Amino acid sequence: MEQTNSSGNALDLSTAIPAPNFPEGAKLREYETIFALKADLGDEQVERYKERIRSLIHREGGKAIKFTIWGKKKTQYELGRQSRAIYIHALYLGGSKIVAEIERNLRMSDDVVRYQSIKLADETDASKPVEQDVKLAGDVDQPERPPREERERRDDFGGGEGEFGGDEAESA
């Protein structure tokens, strides 16, 4: 299975690095990383980012537990001139080097607008089962609101003719 990235370079996803086997009773740190991608990316590109992070985790000696694609959501404020983003949540086990490598890769990508990693636990059993990936629908794209209708302009400001802003010669 060969695909191309935005630069036109071929990506070979068939040689994905398998998850390492851990000895009985091994303990690893548990982390989660949430990252936001530009909203105009297609499903195929989003899947490519997910698999890229998964292979990074495996390559660095960690274990990917679960990926959840939260879908396209409205952001609290504009991120990179966009008010919507596609959010992905990754739950994984490993050492601190994994987090540094994931964040380094996310930082270098133009399609990633924000990311954050959090350590959830210091010692988690490495035999924790891998869960099925989940893809949520996200928010429904809502059309732009129509502009407000122009209110009737009142020239007299409620006081009748000549009482407000009238000619000074007339009132003298």
Protein backbone atom coordinates (compact mmCIF):
# COMPACT_ATOMS: atom_id res chain seq x y z
CA MET A 1 0.00 0.00 0.00
CA GLU A 2 1.79 3.11 -1.21
CA GLN A 3 0.53 6.67 -0.87
CA THR A 4 2.05 10.10 -1.40
CA ASN A 5 2.39 12.96 1.04
CA SER A 6 1.74 16.64 0.30
CA SER A 7 5.25 16.95 -1.20
CA GLY A 8 4.55 14.12 -3.63
CA ASN A 9 6.98 11.73 -1.90
CA ALA A 10 5.89 8.11 -1.63
CA LEU A 11 4.90 6.78 1.79
CA ASP A 12 5.03 3.04 2.28
CA LEU A 13 2.48 2.13 4.96
CA SER A 14 2.80 -1.63 4.43
CA THR A 15 6.06 -1.75 6.39
CA ALA A 16 4.53 -0.47 9.62
CA ILE A 17 6.67 -1.24 12.63
CA PRO A 18 4.99 -3.87 14.86
CA ALA A 19 4.40 -3.22 18.55
CA PRO A 20 7.23 -4.53 20.74
CA ASN A 21 6.69 -7.43 23.15
CA PHE A 22 7.27 -6.57 26.81
CA PRO A 23 8.38 -8.98 29.55
CA GLU A 24 5.84 -10.11 32.16
CA GLY A 25 5.33 -7.43 34.84
CA ALA A 26 7.04 -4.62 32.89
CA LYS A 27 5.92 -1.12 33.90
CA LEU A 28 5.77 1.86 31.56
CA ARG A 29 4.53 5.43 31.81
CA GLU A 30 1.10 6.14 30.37
CA TYR A 31 0.70 9.24 28.17
CA GLU A 32 -1.94 10.89 26.05
CA THR A 33 -1.37 13.32 23.22
CA ILE A 34 -4.11 15.39 21.65
CA PHE A 35 -3.35 17.16 18.41
CA ALA A 36 -5.37 19.36 16.09
CA LEU A 37 -5.02 19.19 12.30
CA LYS A 38 -6.17 21.72 9.73
CA ALA A 39 -9.89 21.31 9.06
CA ASP A 40 -9.52 21.05 5.29
CA LEU A 41 -7.66 17.70 5.39
CA GLY A 42 -9.40 14.63 4.00
CA ASP A 43 -10.07 11.38 5.84
CA GLU A 44 -7.15 9.67 4.11
CA GLN A 45 -4.69 12.33 5.28
CA VAL A 46 -6.05 12.15 8.85
CA GLU A 47 -5.57 8.37 8.84
CA ARG A 48 -2.03 8.87 7.56
CA TYR A 49 -1.21 11.14 10.53
CA LYS A 50 -2.70 8.63 12.94
CA GLU A 51 -0.63 5.78 11.50
CA ARG A 52 2.48 7.95 11.46
CA ILE A 53 2.16 8.59 15.21
CA ARG A 54 1.43 4.90 15.85
CA SER A 55 4.59 3.84 14.00
CA LEU A 56 6.63 6.45 15.94
CA ILE A 57 5.39 4.99 19.22
CA HIS A 58 6.32 1.45 18.16
CA ARG A 59 9.68 2.51 16.73
CA GLU A 60 10.63 4.20 20.02
CA GLY A 61 9.74 1.08 22.04
CA GLY A 62 6.27 2.06 23.23
CA LYS A 63 2.81 0.59 22.94
CA ALA A 64 -0.11 2.39 21.26
CA ILE A 65 -3.24 1.64 23.30
CA LYS A 66 -5.96 3.57 21.49
CA PHE A 67 -6.49 6.32 18.92
CA THR A 68 -9.69 8.33 18.85
CA ILE A 69 -10.45 10.70 16.01
CA TRP A 70 -12.79 13.26 17.53
CA GLY A 71 -13.56 14.74 14.13
CA LYS A 72 -13.92 18.33 13.03
CA LYS A 73 -14.81 20.68 15.86
CA LYS A 74 -15.10 24.42 16.37
CA THR A 75 -12.14 25.85 18.25
CA GLN A 76 -12.40 28.30 21.15
CA TYR A 77 -10.35 30.81 19.15
CA GLU A 78 -8.74 30.88 15.73
CA LEU A 79 -5.80 28.51 15.27
CA GLY A 80 -3.70 29.39 12.26
CA ARG A 81 -6.49 31.57 10.84
CA GLN A 82 -8.99 28.71 11.06
CA SER A 83 -11.90 28.45 13.47
CA ARG A 84 -12.30 24.66 13.06
CA ALA A 85 -9.84 21.78 13.42
CA ILE A 86 -9.77 17.98 13.32
CA TYR A 87 -8.83 16.58 16.74
CA ILE A 88 -7.05 13.27 17.35
CA HIS A 89 -6.46 11.70 20.77
CA ALA A 90 -3.67 9.14 21.20
CA LEU A 91 -3.28 6.98 24.34
CA TYR A 92 0.03 5.11 24.65
CA LEU A 93 2.66 3.61 26.96
CA GLY A 94 6.38 4.30 26.87
CA GLY A 95 9.23 6.48 28.08
CA SER A 96 9.73 10.22 27.96
CA LYS A 97 11.72 9.93 24.72
CA ILE A 98 8.54 8.88 22.92
CA VAL A 99 6.78 12.10 23.88
CA ALA A 100 9.74 14.20 22.72
CA GLU A 101 9.84 12.39 19.37
CA ILE A 102 6.07 12.67 18.80
CA GLU A 103 6.08 16.39 19.62
CA ARG A 104 9.11 16.97 17.40
CA ASN A 105 7.29 15.35 14.46
CA LEU A 106 4.07 17.25 15.13
CA ARG A 107 5.99 20.54 15.39
CA MET A 108 7.57 20.01 11.95
CA SER A 109 4.25 19.39 10.18
CA ASP A 110 2.45 22.32 8.54
CA ASP A 111 -0.92 20.54 8.91
CA VAL A 112 -0.73 20.37 12.73
CA VAL A 113 -2.01 23.56 14.35
CA ARG A 114 -1.79 22.55 18.05
CA TYR A 115 -0.72 19.60 20.22
CA GLN A 116 -0.44 18.76 23.89
CA SER A 117 0.94 15.71 25.70
CA ILE A 118 0.13 14.74 29.28
CA LYS A 119 1.57 12.02 31.53
CA LEU A 120 -1.36 10.10 33.01
CA ALA A 121 0.50 7.58 35.20
CA ASP A 122 4.09 6.78 36.21
CA GLU A 123 3.78 3.00 36.35
CA THR A 124 1.27 1.21 34.17
CA ASP A 125 1.40 -2.49 33.44
CA ALA A 126 2.77 -3.00 29.90
CA SER A 127 0.31 -5.85 29.39
CA LYS A 128 -2.56 -3.33 29.19
CA PRO A 129 -4.69 -4.47 26.25
CA VAL A 130 -4.75 -2.55 22.97
CA GLU A 131 -8.19 -1.10 22.31
CA GLN A 132 -10.01 -0.67 19.01
CA ASP A 133 -9.51 2.73 17.35
CA VAL A 134 -12.58 4.97 17.38
CA LYS A 135 -13.73 7.58 14.88
CA LEU A 136 -16.36 10.06 16.06
CA ALA A 137 -18.47 12.24 13.80
CA GLY A 138 -17.43 15.62 15.22
CA ASP A 139 -19.60 18.70 14.97
CA VAL A 140 -21.93 19.17 12.06
CA ASP A 141 -20.73 21.92 9.74
CA GLN A 142 -23.15 24.74 10.27
CA PRO A 143 -23.65 27.32 7.55
CA GLU A 144 -22.64 30.89 8.24
CA ARG A 145 -25.31 32.93 9.95
CA PRO A 146 -27.03 35.45 7.68
CA PRO A 147 -26.15 39.08 8.43
CA ARG A 148 -28.46 40.97 10.72
CA GLU A 149 -31.11 42.93 8.98
CA GLU A 150 -30.58 46.65 8.96
CA ARG A 151 -32.62 48.28 11.64
CA GLU A 152 -34.77 51.21 10.67
CA ARG A 153 -32.78 54.36 10.99
CA ARG A 154 -34.49 57.02 13.02
CA ASP A 155 -33.49 60.57 12.20
CA ASP A 156 -35.39 62.20 15.04
CA PHE A 157 -33.97 60.00 17.86
CA GLY A 158 -37.42 59.91 19.44
CA GLY A 159 -37.79 63.64 20.12
CA GLY A 160 -39.61 64.92 17.07
CA GLU A 161 -38.53 67.41 14.45
CA GLY A 162 -35.85 69.98 15.33
CA GLU A 163 -35.29 69.02 18.97
CA PHE A 164 -32.01 67.20 18.44
CA GLY A 165 -29.25 68.59 16.29
CA GLY A 166 -31.47 71.26 14.84
CA ASP A 167 -30.25 74.51 13.39
CA GLU A 168 -29.22 76.99 16.15
CA ALA A 169 -30.69 79.94 14.24
CA GLU A 170 -34.17 78.40 14.40
CA SER A 171 -34.08 77.89 18.17
CA ALA A 172 -32.88 81.42 19.00
